[in-house]
Amino acid sequence: MQQNAGLGTPPSHCSPIPKRSRCRDCPMCGRELETKAGMRQHHTKVHDEPLPNRTCNECRTDFYDPKSQLEFCEECNSNAGSNNGNWSGAMASACCEICGDEFDYYPSDKDGVYCRDCVEESDGLLPENPMEPIERVSVDCPACGAEQHVLQSLVERRTRGVFCDLECYGNWLSENIVGPDHHSWTDGDPPYAHGWSNVRRAARVRDSSECRVCGNQA
């Protein structure tokens, strides 16, 4: 039977197919890593330079994106550089009509007329603050007694009083929120569902106030 030429033994000059892909070798130091992801991580940590993980759809240049989401490199991005409205290089220059100093501004429908300093110092160029000062009331801190000047609305909202800081509030809680007023209070009947108090008293009578698990008196 004639041997299929396509299935014959490869010529001796042909290089054998490597068992492991060369993409797992570090391009910087040549170190061979277990996985391609491990090689990329090695290159970032050891050589302090991340490898490209994206290809620009416009110029087909490889580049690195930390989130692996960008479709265009910085040169081809239509929203980058001079196309970005906040780009510092997009500012124009003009001379202030008041002081004559040159200043930079972002171009818009209106040309720059006054510099920043002249705008802040001139009357009528900026609207005055229409808000009038709100009257404050004097109260004492319930913990340390220090006088404070606060808004009346704050006094109305703070039913326990207006404290200087969290430290004063914590000290006041330790001295005043005790017993049944404390959230961890365990004595007395706990706020269970309706009818629980009757069930608890009936269980005590049934078991003569003795715990069925440890035998202690309840």
C-alpha atoms as a PDB file:
ATOM      1  CA  MET A   1       0.000   0.000   0.000  1.00  0.00           C
ATOM      2  CA  GLN A   2       1.297   3.379  -0.990  1.00  0.00           C
ATOM      3  CA  GLN A   3       2.006   5.670   1.938  1.00  0.00           C
ATOM      4  CA  ASN A   4       0.119   8.954   2.046  1.00  0.00           C
ATOM      5  CA  ALA A   5       2.607  11.728   1.328  1.00  0.00           C
ATOM      6  CA  GLY A   6       0.805  14.039   3.730  1.00  0.00           C
ATOM      7  CA  LEU A   7       1.253  11.605   6.641  1.00  0.00           C
ATOM      8  CA  GLY A   8       4.898  10.799   6.145  1.00  0.00           C
ATOM      9  CA  THR A   9       7.737  11.591   8.528  1.00  0.00           C
ATOM     10  CA  PRO A  10       8.595  15.296   8.505  1.00  0.00           C
ATOM     11  CA  PRO A  11      11.960  16.264   7.042  1.00  0.00           C
ATOM     12  CA  SER A  12      14.855  16.471   9.413  1.00  0.00           C
ATOM     13  CA  HIS A  13      15.378  20.197   8.785  1.00  0.00           C
ATOM     14  CA  CYS A  14      11.877  21.057  10.167  1.00  0.00           C
ATOM     15  CA  SER A  15      11.918  22.402  13.727  1.00  0.00           C
ATOM     16  CA  PRO A  16       9.835  20.446  16.223  1.00  0.00           C
ATOM     17  CA  ILE A  17       6.736  22.083  17.590  1.00  0.00           C
ATOM     18  CA  PRO A  18       7.534  23.353  21.078  1.00  0.00           C
ATOM     19  CA  LYS A  19       5.548  21.829  23.901  1.00  0.00           C
ATOM     20  CA  ARG A  20       5.022  25.213  25.510  1.00  0.00           C
ATOM     21  CA  SER A  21       4.104  28.439  23.775  1.00  0.00           C
ATOM     22  CA  ARG A  22       6.778  31.109  23.571  1.00  0.00           C
ATOM     23  CA  CYS A  23       4.162  33.660  24.716  1.00  0.00           C
ATOM     24  CA  ARG A  24       4.809  32.402  28.246  1.00  0.00           C
ATOM     25  CA  ASP A  25       8.410  33.647  28.168  1.00  0.00           C
ATOM     26  CA  CYS A  26       9.081  37.107  29.565  1.00  0.00           C
ATOM     27  CA  PRO A  27      10.140  39.378  26.665  1.00  0.00           C
ATOM     28  CA  MET A  28      12.376  41.356  29.020  1.00  0.00           C
ATOM     29  CA  CYS A  29      14.417  38.718  30.848  1.00  0.00           C
ATOM     30  CA  GLY A  30      13.400  35.543  29.004  1.00  0.00           C
ATOM     31  CA  ARG A  31      12.091  33.801  32.120  1.00  0.00           C
ATOM     32  CA  GLU A  32       9.619  31.026  31.347  1.00  0.00           C
ATOM     33  CA  LEU A  33       6.364  31.205  33.311  1.00  0.00           C
ATOM     34  CA  GLU A  34       3.647  28.632  33.833  1.00  0.00           C
ATOM     35  CA  THR A  35       0.901  30.658  32.159  1.00  0.00           C
ATOM     36  CA  LYS A  36       0.586  33.691  29.941  1.00  0.00           C
ATOM     37  CA  ALA A  37      -1.266  35.538  32.722  1.00  0.00           C
ATOM     38  CA  GLY A  38       1.593  34.729  35.088  1.00  0.00           C
ATOM     39  CA  MET A  39       4.093  36.087  32.581  1.00  0.00           C
ATOM     40  CA  ARG A  40       2.145  39.361  32.298  1.00  0.00           C
ATOM     41  CA  GLN A  41       1.969  39.683  36.070  1.00  0.00           C
ATOM     42  CA  HIS A  42       5.694  38.946  36.362  1.00  0.00           C
ATOM     43  CA  HIS A  43       6.506  41.635  33.794  1.00  0.00           C
ATOM     44  CA  THR A  44       4.406  44.220  35.659  1.00  0.00           C
ATOM     45  CA  LYS A  45       5.790  43.494  39.131  1.00  0.00           C
ATOM     46  CA  VAL A  46       9.410  42.636  38.351  1.00  0.00           C
ATOM     47  CA  HIS A  47      10.096  45.005  35.448  1.00  0.00           C
ATOM     48  CA  ASP A  48       7.630  47.696  36.591  1.00  0.00           C
ATOM     49  CA  GLU A  49       5.999  47.951  33.177  1.00  0.00           C
ATOM     50  CA  PRO A  50       2.663  46.407  32.145  1.00  0.00           C
ATOM     51  CA  LEU A  51       2.490  44.714  28.770  1.00  0.00           C
ATOM     52  CA  PRO A  52      -0.011  45.887  26.141  1.00  0.00           C
ATOM     53  CA  ASN A  53      -3.423  44.278  26.492  1.00  0.00           C
ATOM     54  CA  ARG A  54      -5.425  46.163  23.866  1.00  0.00           C
ATOM     55  CA  THR A  55      -5.159  46.880  20.139  1.00  0.00           C
ATOM     56  CA  CYS A  56      -6.292  50.231  18.786  1.00  0.00           C
ATOM     57  CA  ASN A  57      -9.162  49.872  16.320  1.00  0.00           C
ATOM     58  CA  GLU A  58      -7.859  52.839  14.331  1.00  0.00           C
ATOM     59  CA  CYS A  59      -4.075  52.483  13.980  1.00  0.00           C
ATOM     60  CA  ARG A  60      -3.811  48.823  15.147  1.00  0.00           C
ATOM     61  CA  THR A  61      -1.160  49.789  17.719  1.00  0.00           C
ATOM     62  CA  ASP A  62      -0.941  47.714  20.889  1.00  0.00           C
ATOM     63  CA  PHE A  63      -1.339  49.643  24.138  1.00  0.00           C
ATOM     64  CA  TYR A  64      -2.086  49.029  27.806  1.00  0.00           C
ATOM     65  CA  ASP A  65      -5.399  49.831  29.488  1.00  0.00           C
ATOM     66  CA  PRO A  66      -5.772  49.084  33.229  1.00  0.00           C
ATOM     67  CA  LYS A  67      -9.468  48.219  32.779  1.00  0.00           C
ATOM     68  CA  SER A  68      -9.092  46.503  29.381  1.00  0.00           C
ATOM     69  CA  GLN A  69     -12.011  48.472  27.956  1.00  0.00           C
ATOM     70  CA  LEU A  70     -10.624  51.158  25.647  1.00  0.00           C
ATOM     71  CA  GLU A  71     -10.989  50.643  21.913  1.00  0.00           C
ATOM     72  CA  PHE A  72      -8.641  53.432  20.807  1.00  0.00           C
ATOM     73  CA  CYS A  73      -5.188  54.499  21.898  1.00  0.00           C
ATOM     74  CA  GLU A  74      -4.563  57.981  23.270  1.00  0.00           C
ATOM     75  CA  GLU A  75      -3.507  59.333  19.877  1.00  0.00           C
ATOM     76  CA  CYS A  76      -6.623  58.051  18.118  1.00  0.00           C
ATOM     77  CA  ASN A  77      -9.168  58.677  20.891  1.00  0.00           C
ATOM     78  CA  SER A  78     -11.628  61.291  19.630  1.00  0.00           C
ATOM     79  CA  ASN A  79     -12.253  62.502  23.196  1.00  0.00           C
ATOM     80  CA  ALA A  80      -8.610  62.838  24.215  1.00  0.00           C
ATOM     81  CA  GLY A  81      -6.100  65.637  23.912  1.00  0.00           C
ATOM     82  CA  SER A  82      -7.283  68.779  22.177  1.00  0.00           C
ATOM     83  CA  ASN A  83     -10.721  67.220  21.578  1.00  0.00           C
ATOM     84  CA  ASN A  84     -11.381  67.185  25.317  1.00  0.00           C
ATOM     85  CA  GLY A  85     -13.142  70.321  26.570  1.00  0.00           C
ATOM     86  CA  ASN A  86     -11.060  70.284  29.768  1.00  0.00           C
ATOM     87  CA  TRP A  87      -7.733  69.955  27.985  1.00  0.00           C
ATOM     88  CA  SER A  88      -5.325  72.574  29.366  1.00  0.00           C
ATOM     89  CA  GLY A  89      -3.876  73.224  25.928  1.00  0.00           C
ATOM     90  CA  ALA A  90      -7.282  74.317  24.655  1.00  0.00           C
ATOM     91  CA  MET A  91      -7.163  77.574  26.644  1.00  0.00           C
ATOM     92  CA  ALA A  92      -6.988  80.893  24.831  1.00  0.00           C
ATOM     93  CA  SER A  93      -5.291  84.128  25.933  1.00  0.00           C
ATOM     94  CA  ALA A  94      -6.697  87.638  26.158  1.00  0.00           C
ATOM     95  CA  CYS A  95      -5.896  91.016  27.754  1.00  0.00           C
ATOM     96  CA  CYS A  96      -8.013  92.228  30.656  1.00  0.00           C
ATOM     97  CA  GLU A  97      -9.931  95.403  29.751  1.00  0.00           C
ATOM     98  CA  ILE A  98      -9.470  96.771  33.280  1.00  0.00           C
ATOM     99  CA  CYS A  99      -5.839  96.142  34.231  1.00  0.00           C
ATOM    100  CA  GLY A 100      -4.416  95.151  30.858  1.00  0.00           C
ATOM    101  CA  ASP A 101      -2.831  91.949  32.175  1.00  0.00           C
ATOM    102  CA  GLU A 102      -2.871  88.878  29.975  1.00  0.00           C
ATOM    103  CA  PHE A 103      -4.892  85.900  31.259  1.00  0.00           C
ATOM    104  CA  ASP A 104      -5.948  82.466  30.018  1.00  0.00           C
ATOM    105  CA  TYR A 105      -9.529  81.266  29.663  1.00  0.00           C
ATOM    106  CA  TYR A 106     -11.452  78.421  28.057  1.00  0.00           C
ATOM    107  CA  PRO A 107     -13.020  79.557  24.755  1.00  0.00           C
ATOM    108  CA  SER A 108     -16.805  79.591  24.583  1.00  0.00           C
ATOM    109  CA  ASP A 109     -19.538  81.609  22.883  1.00  0.00           C
ATOM    110  CA  LYS A 110     -18.139  84.700  24.633  1.00  0.00           C
ATOM    111  CA  ASP A 111     -14.591  85.998  24.511  1.00  0.00           C
ATOM    112  CA  GLY A 112     -12.567  86.558  27.656  1.00  0.00           C
ATOM    113  CA  VAL A 113     -12.888  90.157  28.905  1.00  0.00           C
ATOM    114  CA  TYR A 114     -11.732  90.402  32.516  1.00  0.00           C
ATOM    115  CA  CYS A 115      -9.058  88.541  34.453  1.00  0.00           C
ATOM    116  CA  ARG A 116      -9.849  86.635  37.633  1.00  0.00           C
ATOM    117  CA  ASP A 117      -8.471  89.291  40.019  1.00  0.00           C
ATOM    118  CA  CYS A 118     -10.456  92.128  38.461  1.00  0.00           C
ATOM    119  CA  VAL A 119     -13.655  90.101  38.530  1.00  0.00           C
ATOM    120  CA  GLU A 120     -13.277  89.411  42.256  1.00  0.00           C
ATOM    121  CA  GLU A 121     -12.392  93.018  43.141  1.00  0.00           C
ATOM    122  CA  SER A 122     -14.928  94.858  40.975  1.00  0.00           C
ATOM    123  CA  ASP A 123     -18.418  95.723  42.225  1.00  0.00           C
ATOM    124  CA  GLY A 124     -21.285  94.579  40.089  1.00  0.00           C
ATOM    125  CA  LEU A 125     -19.425  91.928  38.097  1.00  0.00           C
ATOM    126  CA  LEU A 126     -20.373  89.171  40.535  1.00  0.00           C
ATOM    127  CA  PRO A 127     -23.779  88.829  42.230  1.00  0.00           C
ATOM    128  CA  GLU A 128     -23.800  89.454  45.957  1.00  0.00           C
ATOM    129  CA  ASN A 129     -24.704  86.655  48.324  1.00  0.00           C
ATOM    130  CA  PRO A 130     -28.462  87.080  48.904  1.00  0.00           C
ATOM    131  CA  MET A 131     -28.473  84.765  51.928  1.00  0.00           C
ATOM    132  CA  GLU A 132     -28.724  86.622  55.203  1.00  0.00           C
ATOM    133  CA  PRO A 133     -26.970  85.320  58.339  1.00  0.00           C
ATOM    134  CA  ILE A 134     -29.143  82.862  60.254  1.00  0.00           C
ATOM    135  CA  GLU A 135     -29.554  83.579  63.921  1.00  0.00           C
ATOM    136  CA  ARG A 136     -28.102  80.978  66.247  1.00  0.00           C
ATOM    137  CA  VAL A 137     -29.113  80.045  69.768  1.00  0.00           C
ATOM    138  CA  SER A 138     -26.900  79.342  72.759  1.00  0.00           C
ATOM    139  CA  VAL A 139     -27.105  75.877  74.360  1.00  0.00           C
ATOM    140  CA  ASP A 140     -24.971  73.942  76.829  1.00  0.00           C
ATOM    141  CA  CYS A 141     -23.470  70.529  76.122  1.00  0.00           C
ATOM    142  CA  PRO A 142     -25.380  68.001  78.298  1.00  0.00           C
ATOM    143  CA  ALA A 143     -22.108  66.185  79.092  1.00  0.00           C
ATOM    144  CA  CYS A 144     -19.503  68.861  79.849  1.00  0.00           C
ATOM    145  CA  GLY A 145     -21.616  72.018  80.052  1.00  0.00           C
ATOM    146  CA  ALA A 146     -19.644  73.910  77.377  1.00  0.00           C
ATOM    147  CA  GLU A 147     -21.613  76.671  75.662  1.00  0.00           C
ATOM    148  CA  GLN A 148     -22.351  76.258  71.955  1.00  0.00           C
ATOM    149  CA  HIS A 149     -23.980  78.480  69.367  1.00  0.00           C
ATOM    150  CA  VAL A 150     -26.040  76.334  67.003  1.00  0.00           C
ATOM    151  CA  LEU A 151     -29.053  76.599  64.722  1.00  0.00           C
ATOM    152  CA  GLN A 152     -32.480  76.336  66.294  1.00  0.00           C
ATOM    153  CA  SER A 153     -33.376  73.551  63.876  1.00  0.00           C
ATOM    154  CA  LEU A 154     -30.501  71.447  65.227  1.00  0.00           C
ATOM    155  CA  VAL A 155     -31.777  71.881  68.790  1.00  0.00           C
ATOM    156  CA  GLU A 156     -35.217  70.720  67.707  1.00  0.00           C
ATOM    157  CA  ARG A 157     -33.856  67.634  65.971  1.00  0.00           C
ATOM    158  CA  ARG A 158     -31.526  66.502  68.765  1.00  0.00           C
ATOM    159  CA  THR A 159     -33.940  65.215  71.392  1.00  0.00           C
ATOM    160  CA  ARG A 160     -31.097  64.255  73.751  1.00  0.00           C
ATOM    161  CA  GLY A 161     -29.364  67.600  73.399  1.00  0.00           C
ATOM    162  CA  VAL A 162     -26.546  69.057  71.324  1.00  0.00           C
ATOM    163  CA  PHE A 163     -23.141  67.677  72.323  1.00  0.00           C
ATOM    164  CA  CYS A 164     -19.667  69.072  71.661  1.00  0.00           C
ATOM    165  CA  ASP A 165     -18.406  65.914  69.973  1.00  0.00           C
ATOM    166  CA  LEU A 166     -18.768  62.144  69.956  1.00  0.00           C
ATOM    167  CA  GLU A 167     -16.656  61.791  73.102  1.00  0.00           C
ATOM    168  CA  CYS A 168     -19.093  63.914  75.117  1.00  0.00           C
ATOM    169  CA  TYR A 169     -22.019  62.042  73.613  1.00  0.00           C
ATOM    170  CA  GLY A 170     -20.472  58.690  74.530  1.00  0.00           C
ATOM    171  CA  ASN A 171     -19.828  59.777  78.129  1.00  0.00           C
ATOM    172  CA  TRP A 172     -23.393  61.011  78.444  1.00  0.00           C
ATOM    173  CA  LEU A 173     -24.769  57.713  77.100  1.00  0.00           C
ATOM    174  CA  SER A 174     -22.696  55.700  79.594  1.00  0.00           C
ATOM    175  CA  GLU A 175     -24.126  57.668  82.513  1.00  0.00           C
ATOM    176  CA  ASN A 176     -27.727  58.131  81.407  1.00  0.00           C
ATOM    177  CA  ILE A 177     -28.771  55.368  79.033  1.00  0.00           C
ATOM    178  CA  VAL A 178     -28.755  52.513  81.546  1.00  0.00           C
ATOM    179  CA  GLY A 179     -31.162  49.895  82.807  1.00  0.00           C
ATOM    180  CA  PRO A 180     -34.313  49.386  80.750  1.00  0.00           C
ATOM    181  CA  ASP A 181     -33.349  52.330  78.515  1.00  0.00           C
ATOM    182  CA  HIS A 182     -30.220  50.525  77.264  1.00  0.00           C
ATOM    183  CA  HIS A 183     -30.489  48.501  74.053  1.00  0.00           C
ATOM    184  CA  SER A 184     -28.700  45.536  75.705  1.00  0.00           C
ATOM    185  CA  TRP A 185     -30.953  45.462  78.773  1.00  0.00           C
ATOM    186  CA  THR A 186     -31.658  41.801  79.652  1.00  0.00           C
ATOM    187  CA  ASP A 187     -33.712  42.016  82.842  1.00  0.00           C
ATOM    188  CA  GLY A 188     -37.493  42.015  82.688  1.00  0.00           C
ATOM    189  CA  ASP A 189     -39.637  40.766  79.862  1.00  0.00           C
ATOM    190  CA  PRO A 190     -37.989  41.098  76.423  1.00  0.00           C
ATOM    191  CA  PRO A 191     -40.036  42.697  73.635  1.00  0.00           C
ATOM    192  CA  TYR A 192     -41.041  39.481  71.894  1.00  0.00           C
ATOM    193  CA  ALA A 193     -44.191  38.929  69.871  1.00  0.00           C
ATOM    194  CA  HIS A 194     -47.657  39.433  71.306  1.00  0.00           C
ATOM    195  CA  GLY A 195     -48.493  36.929  74.048  1.00  0.00           C
ATOM    196  CA  TRP A 196     -44.888  35.949  74.785  1.00  0.00           C
ATOM    197  CA  SER A 197     -45.017  37.167  78.400  1.00  0.00           C
ATOM    198  CA  ASN A 198     -47.933  34.842  79.192  1.00  0.00           C
ATOM    199  CA  VAL A 199     -46.157  31.897  77.544  1.00  0.00           C
ATOM    200  CA  ARG A 200     -42.966  32.616  79.505  1.00  0.00           C
ATOM    201  CA  ARG A 201     -44.758  32.810  82.835  1.00  0.00           C
ATOM    202  CA  ALA A 202     -46.646  29.586  82.087  1.00  0.00           C
ATOM    203  CA  ALA A 203     -43.351  27.810  81.266  1.00  0.00           C
ATOM    204  CA  ARG A 204     -41.839  28.979  84.554  1.00  0.00           C
ATOM    205  CA  VAL A 205     -44.780  27.599  86.498  1.00  0.00           C
ATOM    206  CA  ARG A 206     -44.685  24.350  84.562  1.00  0.00           C
ATOM    207  CA  ASP A 207     -40.952  23.803  85.176  1.00  0.00           C
ATOM    208  CA  SER A 208     -40.909  25.324  88.700  1.00  0.00           C
ATOM    209  CA  SER A 209     -38.588  28.070  87.369  1.00  0.00           C
ATOM    210  CA  GLU A 210     -35.895  25.476  86.630  1.00  0.00           C
ATOM    211  CA  CYS A 211     -33.994  25.391  83.336  1.00  0.00           C
ATOM    212  CA  ARG A 212     -34.549  22.119  81.517  1.00  0.00           C
ATOM    213  CA  VAL A 213     -31.039  22.256  79.994  1.00  0.00           C
ATOM    214  CA  CYS A 214     -28.706  23.184  82.890  1.00  0.00           C
ATOM    215  CA  GLY A 215     -30.991  22.911  85.903  1.00  0.00           C
ATOM    216  CA  ASN A 216     -30.373  26.468  87.140  1.00  0.00           C
ATOM    217  CA  GLN A 217     -33.199  28.484  88.638  1.00  0.00           C
ATOM    218  CA  ALA A 218     -34.559  31.074  86.244  1.00  0.00           C
END
